[in-house]
């Protein structure tokens, strides 16, 4: 009889502890799911931005790189080179004049570009990086390669052959292409709004542009990216909708007076911003797959917040119970 009673008490004790442990087990599961859906993609995005900044620093100088540890109020403008007697600048100036006068091939689809790597090496641009692109609304800082080849766009963005190099001159339209699926690419291009700022740092200048038009075009509509006489333009180009290659999404920017550099830590830290993640999930988009991806991340964030809130509430309740029973 005593053995039976002992067994019953032990079973009750074990069952009681299991019930008490259940909330913690469920919280742990929710935390792991949240980590997978929210934190891990953010970590990957953060790492991609750091790699982009390291490439920029190697090409333009350490002031533009991740090691500079910038703050929101810090201006990180790489030391500029003189334009006179600079072989790279002269080479790009001549190329832009050919684009302006129609003496180069028409702008081609960016995925099949001849990067002319030997010529770039001869003028001191062996790595092919001509500058860096910063778009705060998209949360990216990415290197700009001369040539929107598949290889270059695995590392950043690229100037489409037949369009202007980013020298900041009138009668030019620098079309910069990047993948949408890449973390350092144009994934969030649909977030850009008219009036948003884009900054380009080259070895010679800091160039600031403002968004003036947004358009979706057919892949072979090369007239959409032609030079606009009397204007200094930069056009961002990528596939549309997200996850597909049916159309091209364009955002046109026009040069404005310099407003300072925008290399700040907020751009690479934005991937961890819960408010930004929720805003992106609520933002209208014509890319269903992008909407789904953003909602998955938002749900992951909510799971983490819920789990932490439940844990804090449980600890506070236990503390109250202990105080009351003293």
Protein backbone atom coordinates (compact mmCIF):
# COMPACT_ATOMS: atom_id res chain seq x y z
CA UNK A 1 0.00 0.00 0.00
CA UNK A 2 2.82 2.38 0.91
CA UNK A 3 4.60 1.60 -2.33
CA UNK A 4 1.46 2.38 -4.28
CA UNK A 5 1.04 5.63 -2.39
CA UNK A 6 4.69 6.53 -2.90
CA UNK A 7 4.35 5.85 -6.61
CA UNK A 8 1.24 8.07 -6.82
CA UNK A 9 2.94 10.93 -5.00
CA UNK A 10 6.00 10.68 -7.26
CA UNK A 11 3.81 10.62 -10.35
CA UNK A 12 1.92 13.70 -9.09
CA UNK A 13 5.19 15.49 -8.32
CA UNK A 14 6.56 14.73 -11.78
CA UNK A 15 3.31 15.80 -13.47
CA UNK A 16 3.25 19.04 -11.48
CA UNK A 17 6.79 19.92 -12.51
CA UNK A 18 6.01 19.10 -16.14
CA UNK A 19 3.08 21.51 -16.09
CA UNK A 20 5.26 24.23 -14.58
CA UNK A 21 7.98 23.63 -17.16
CA UNK A 22 5.57 23.69 -20.10
CA UNK A 23 5.47 27.51 -20.47
CA UNK A 24 9.26 27.62 -20.53
CA UNK A 25 9.43 24.85 -23.12
CA UNK A 26 6.88 26.64 -25.32
CA UNK A 27 8.74 29.93 -24.86
CA UNK A 28 11.97 28.24 -25.88
CA UNK A 29 10.36 26.81 -29.01
CA UNK A 30 8.88 30.23 -29.87
CA UNK A 31 12.29 31.84 -29.33
CA UNK A 32 14.02 29.37 -31.65
CA UNK A 33 11.40 29.90 -34.33
CA UNK A 34 11.71 33.67 -33.93
CA UNK A 35 15.49 33.48 -34.20
CA UNK A 36 15.17 31.51 -37.43
CA UNK A 37 12.58 33.82 -39.00
CA UNK A 38 13.93 37.18 -37.86
CA UNK A 39 17.40 37.27 -36.34
CA UNK A 40 19.23 34.99 -38.79
CA UNK A 41 18.19 36.89 -41.98
CA UNK A 42 19.11 40.13 -40.18
CA UNK A 43 22.53 38.74 -39.30
CA UNK A 44 23.07 37.75 -42.92
CA UNK A 45 22.04 41.22 -44.13
CA UNK A 46 24.37 42.83 -41.57
CA UNK A 47 27.29 40.68 -42.70
CA UNK A 48 26.59 41.49 -46.36
CA UNK A 49 26.69 45.21 -45.61
CA UNK A 50 29.98 44.88 -43.74
CA UNK A 51 31.49 42.99 -46.68
CA UNK A 52 30.30 45.73 -49.04
CA UNK A 53 31.91 48.40 -46.89
CA UNK A 54 35.18 46.44 -46.79
CA UNK A 55 35.23 46.27 -50.61
CA UNK A 56 34.54 50.00 -50.80
CA UNK A 57 37.30 50.74 -48.29
CA UNK A 58 39.80 48.66 -50.27
CA UNK A 59 38.99 50.62 -53.45
CA UNK A 60 38.31 54.14 -52.17
CA UNK A 61 40.15 54.34 -48.86
CA UNK A 62 39.58 53.24 -45.24
CA UNK A 63 37.35 56.22 -44.39
CA UNK A 64 34.50 54.58 -46.31
CA UNK A 65 34.92 51.17 -44.72
CA UNK A 66 33.44 49.30 -41.79
CA UNK A 67 36.57 49.73 -39.62
CA UNK A 68 35.92 53.46 -39.28
CA UNK A 69 33.12 52.79 -36.75
CA UNK A 70 30.97 55.75 -37.81
CA UNK A 71 28.19 57.37 -35.84
CA UNK A 72 25.03 58.99 -37.12
CA UNK A 73 26.66 62.42 -37.04
CA UNK A 74 29.97 61.34 -38.58
CA UNK A 75 30.75 62.23 -42.17
CA UNK A 76 32.94 59.59 -43.78
CA UNK A 77 34.09 61.01 -47.10
CA UNK A 78 37.07 59.19 -48.62
CA UNK A 79 39.99 61.42 -49.53
CA UNK A 80 39.47 62.60 -53.11
CA UNK A 81 41.93 62.36 -55.97
CA UNK A 82 42.77 65.18 -58.34
CA UNK A 83 40.99 64.95 -61.68
CA UNK A 84 43.90 66.39 -63.60
CA UNK A 85 46.32 63.82 -64.98
CA UNK A 86 44.20 60.97 -63.57
CA UNK A 87 44.13 58.18 -66.14
CA UNK A 88 40.93 56.61 -64.76
CA UNK A 89 39.04 59.91 -64.78
CA UNK A 90 40.21 60.71 -68.32
CA UNK A 91 39.18 57.25 -69.50
CA UNK A 92 35.67 57.59 -68.02
CA UNK A 93 35.32 61.16 -69.29
CA UNK A 94 36.04 59.97 -72.82
CA UNK A 95 33.62 57.07 -72.40
CA UNK A 96 30.85 59.42 -71.21
CA UNK A 97 31.36 61.65 -74.23
CA UNK A 98 30.92 58.62 -76.48
CA UNK A 99 27.70 57.76 -74.64
CA UNK A 100 26.43 61.33 -74.98
CA UNK A 101 27.13 61.45 -78.70
CA UNK A 102 25.86 57.92 -79.39
CA UNK A 103 29.26 56.48 -80.33
CA UNK A 104 28.93 53.40 -78.11
CA UNK A 105 26.54 50.50 -78.36
CA UNK A 106 23.04 51.19 -77.11
CA UNK A 107 22.45 50.36 -73.46
CA UNK A 108 22.19 46.60 -73.25
CA UNK A 109 20.48 44.36 -70.76
CA UNK A 110 22.83 44.42 -67.75
CA UNK A 111 23.28 40.68 -67.44
CA UNK A 112 25.49 40.43 -70.55
CA UNK A 113 28.12 43.16 -70.37
CA UNK A 114 31.74 43.23 -71.54
CA UNK A 115 33.56 44.78 -68.58
CA UNK A 116 36.74 45.56 -70.59
CA UNK A 117 38.80 44.38 -67.62
CA UNK A 118 42.19 44.85 -69.34
CA UNK A 119 41.50 48.51 -70.10
CA UNK A 120 40.27 49.14 -66.57
CA UNK A 121 43.48 47.66 -65.19
CA UNK A 122 45.57 49.90 -67.45
CA UNK A 123 43.97 53.07 -66.06
CA UNK A 124 44.20 52.04 -62.41
CA UNK A 125 40.76 50.49 -61.89
CA UNK A 126 41.83 46.87 -61.73
CA UNK A 127 39.15 45.94 -59.20
CA UNK A 128 36.51 47.57 -61.42
CA UNK A 129 35.08 49.64 -58.54
CA UNK A 130 34.40 53.23 -59.59
CA UNK A 131 32.57 54.31 -56.44
CA UNK A 132 30.02 53.44 -53.80
CA UNK A 133 26.25 53.80 -53.75
CA UNK A 134 24.28 54.68 -50.62
CA UNK A 135 20.47 54.67 -50.47
CA UNK A 136 19.21 55.19 -46.89
CA UNK A 137 15.60 54.24 -47.73
CA UNK A 138 16.84 50.85 -48.99
CA UNK A 139 19.28 50.47 -46.10
CA UNK A 140 22.26 49.70 -48.33
CA UNK A 141 25.79 50.84 -48.98
CA UNK A 142 27.16 48.94 -51.96
CA UNK A 143 30.17 49.17 -54.30
CA UNK A 144 29.60 50.29 -57.89
CA UNK A 145 31.47 48.19 -60.44
CA UNK A 146 32.12 49.26 -64.01
CA UNK A 147 30.09 46.63 -65.80
CA UNK A 148 26.86 45.05 -64.66
CA UNK A 149 28.16 41.53 -65.20
CA UNK A 150 26.79 38.58 -63.30
CA UNK A 151 30.13 38.32 -61.48
CA UNK A 152 30.08 41.97 -60.41
CA UNK A 153 26.47 41.85 -59.26
CA UNK A 154 27.28 38.96 -56.94
CA UNK A 155 29.42 41.50 -55.05
CA UNK A 156 27.38 44.69 -55.43
CA UNK A 157 25.96 46.88 -58.19
CA UNK A 158 27.24 47.66 -61.68
CA UNK A 159 27.04 50.37 -64.33
CA UNK A 160 25.15 49.13 -67.39
CA UNK A 161 27.31 49.30 -70.51
CA UNK A 162 26.17 52.02 -72.91
CA UNK A 163 25.08 54.30 -70.05
CA UNK A 164 27.13 57.03 -68.36
CA UNK A 165 29.79 56.52 -65.73
CA UNK A 166 29.06 58.34 -62.42
CA UNK A 167 31.06 61.55 -62.91
CA UNK A 168 28.35 64.07 -62.02
CA UNK A 169 28.10 65.82 -65.38
CA UNK A 170 25.06 67.10 -67.27
CA UNK A 171 23.90 65.17 -70.33
CA UNK A 172 24.49 61.90 -68.54
CA UNK A 173 22.41 59.04 -67.15
CA UNK A 174 24.31 56.48 -65.09
CA UNK A 175 22.18 53.32 -64.98
CA UNK A 176 23.19 51.14 -62.03
CA UNK A 177 21.88 47.57 -61.92
CA UNK A 178 21.80 45.03 -59.08
CA UNK A 179 20.03 41.80 -58.22
CA UNK A 180 16.96 41.93 -55.99
CA UNK A 181 17.64 38.65 -54.24
CA UNK A 182 21.10 39.71 -53.04
CA UNK A 183 21.25 41.10 -49.50
CA UNK A 184 23.55 43.90 -50.69
CA UNK A 185 21.40 44.45 -53.80
CA UNK A 186 18.16 46.26 -54.61
CA UNK A 187 15.79 43.97 -52.66
CA UNK A 188 13.98 46.95 -51.08
CA UNK A 189 13.84 49.20 -54.14
CA UNK A 190 10.03 49.40 -53.97
CA UNK A 191 10.39 51.23 -50.65
CA UNK A 192 12.04 54.20 -52.38
CA UNK A 193 9.75 57.23 -52.59
CA UNK A 194 9.90 60.37 -54.70
CA UNK A 195 12.20 62.86 -53.01
CA UNK A 196 14.44 60.22 -51.40
CA UNK A 197 18.20 60.77 -51.48
CA UNK A 198 20.91 58.69 -53.14
CA UNK A 199 24.62 59.39 -52.62
CA UNK A 200 27.51 58.27 -54.78
CA UNK A 201 31.13 58.50 -53.63
CA UNK A 202 33.74 58.31 -56.39
CA UNK A 203 37.51 58.79 -56.08
CA UNK A 204 36.95 62.38 -57.26
CA UNK A 205 33.56 63.61 -56.00
CA UNK A 206 30.64 63.21 -53.60
CA UNK A 207 27.44 63.24 -55.67
CA UNK A 208 23.92 63.58 -54.26
CA UNK A 209 20.73 62.79 -56.19
CA UNK A 210 17.01 62.95 -55.44
CA UNK A 211 14.35 60.48 -56.69
CA UNK A 212 12.14 62.11 -59.33
CA UNK A 213 10.37 59.24 -61.13
CA UNK A 214 9.55 55.54 -60.74
CA UNK A 215 8.70 53.29 -63.66
CA UNK A 216 8.23 49.60 -64.56
CA UNK A 217 9.34 48.69 -68.11
CA UNK A 218 9.81 45.75 -70.43
CA UNK A 219 13.32 44.20 -70.35
CA UNK A 220 14.14 45.43 -73.87
CA UNK A 221 12.91 49.01 -73.42
CA UNK A 222 16.35 50.61 -73.72
CA UNK A 223 14.92 54.04 -74.60
CA UNK A 224 13.78 54.35 -70.99
CA UNK A 225 17.39 54.66 -69.82
CA UNK A 226 18.72 57.06 -72.46
CA UNK A 227 20.52 60.31 -71.65
CA UNK A 228 18.25 63.28 -70.91
CA UNK A 229 19.76 66.41 -72.44
CA UNK A 230 20.64 69.03 -69.84
CA UNK A 231 20.21 66.66 -66.89
CA UNK A 232 22.60 64.76 -64.63
CA UNK A 233 20.75 61.52 -63.83
CA UNK A 234 21.30 58.25 -61.98
CA UNK A 235 18.86 55.39 -62.60
CA UNK A 236 18.59 52.29 -60.43
CA UNK A 237 17.53 49.18 -62.34
CA UNK A 238 16.56 45.70 -61.17
CA UNK A 239 14.18 42.84 -61.92
CA UNK A 240 10.47 43.04 -61.16
CA UNK A 241 8.49 41.63 -59.49
CA UNK A 242 10.67 40.33 -56.68
CA UNK A 243 11.69 36.75 -57.33
CA UNK A 244 10.97 36.96 -61.07
CA UNK A 245 12.53 38.40 -64.22
CA UNK A 246 9.44 39.54 -66.15
CA UNK A 247 10.01 43.31 -66.06
CA UNK A 248 12.50 45.93 -64.94
CA UNK A 249 11.90 48.31 -62.03
CA UNK A 250 13.47 51.74 -62.49
CA UNK A 251 13.95 54.62 -60.07
CA UNK A 252 15.21 57.85 -61.67
CA UNK A 253 17.30 60.28 -59.59
CA UNK A 254 18.43 63.79 -60.56
CA UNK A 255 21.48 65.64 -59.21
CA UNK A 256 20.96 68.14 -56.40
CA UNK A 257 23.40 70.29 -54.44
CA UNK A 258 25.57 68.26 -52.09
CA UNK A 259 23.89 67.43 -48.79
CA UNK A 260 26.76 65.56 -47.12
CA UNK A 261 27.66 61.90 -47.03
CA UNK A 262 25.30 59.30 -45.59
CA UNK A 263 27.66 56.51 -44.54
CA UNK A 264 26.19 55.91 -41.07
CA UNK A 265 25.83 52.95 -38.77
CA UNK A 266 22.05 53.22 -39.03
CA UNK A 267 22.23 51.83 -42.54
CA UNK A 268 23.89 48.56 -41.58
CA UNK A 269 22.05 48.31 -38.26
CA UNK A 270 18.61 48.81 -39.81
CA UNK A 271 18.33 45.08 -40.46
CA UNK A 272 17.83 44.63 -36.68
CA UNK A 273 15.23 47.39 -36.30
CA UNK A 274 11.88 45.78 -35.27
CA UNK A 275 9.92 48.93 -36.13
CA UNK A 276 11.43 48.98 -39.63
CA UNK A 277 10.62 45.30 -40.12
CA UNK A 278 6.98 45.91 -39.17
CA UNK A 279 6.76 49.00 -41.40
CA UNK A 280 8.13 47.02 -44.35
CA UNK A 281 5.57 44.26 -43.77
CA UNK A 282 2.77 46.84 -43.87
CA UNK A 283 4.15 48.63 -46.95
CA UNK A 284 2.23 48.02 -50.17
CA UNK A 285 4.16 46.11 -52.84
CA UNK A 286 3.43 44.64 -56.24
CA UNK A 287 5.75 41.70 -55.44
CA UNK A 288 3.76 38.98 -53.60
CA UNK A 289 6.87 36.97 -52.71
CA UNK A 290 8.49 40.02 -51.11
CA UNK A 291 5.32 40.68 -49.10
CA UNK A 292 5.31 37.06 -47.87
CA UNK A 293 8.99 37.20 -46.94
CA UNK A 294 8.52 40.41 -44.96
CA UNK A 295 5.51 39.05 -43.08
CA UNK A 296 7.48 35.93 -42.17
CA UNK A 297 10.18 38.15 -40.66
CA UNK A 298 7.56 40.26 -38.86
CA UNK A 299 5.98 37.13 -37.38
CA UNK A 300 9.43 36.01 -36.22
CA UNK A 301 9.91 39.37 -34.54
CA UNK A 302 6.50 39.14 -32.84
CA UNK A 303 7.32 35.64 -31.57
CA UNK A 304 10.53 36.91 -29.99
CA UNK A 305 8.76 39.88 -28.40
CA UNK A 306 5.93 37.65 -27.12
CA UNK A 307 8.35 35.13 -25.66
CA UNK A 308 10.41 37.78 -23.88
CA UNK A 309 7.26 39.49 -22.58
CA UNK A 310 5.92 36.18 -21.23
CA UNK A 311 9.24 35.42 -19.56
CA UNK A 312 9.37 38.84 -17.89
CA UNK A 313 5.71 38.57 -16.80
CA UNK A 314 6.36 35.11 -15.31
CA UNK A 315 9.37 36.35 -13.36
CA UNK A 316 7.46 39.38 -12.07
CA UNK A 317 4.53 37.16 -11.01
CA UNK A 318 6.84 34.79 -9.14
CA UNK A 319 8.42 37.75 -7.37
CA UNK A 320 4.99 39.10 -6.34
CA UNK A 321 3.91 35.69 -5.05
CA UNK A 322 7.05 35.37 -2.94
CA UNK A 323 6.55 38.85 -1.45
CA UNK A 324 2.87 38.19 -0.65
CA UNK A 325 3.62 34.83 1.07
CA UNK A 326 6.38 36.17 3.31
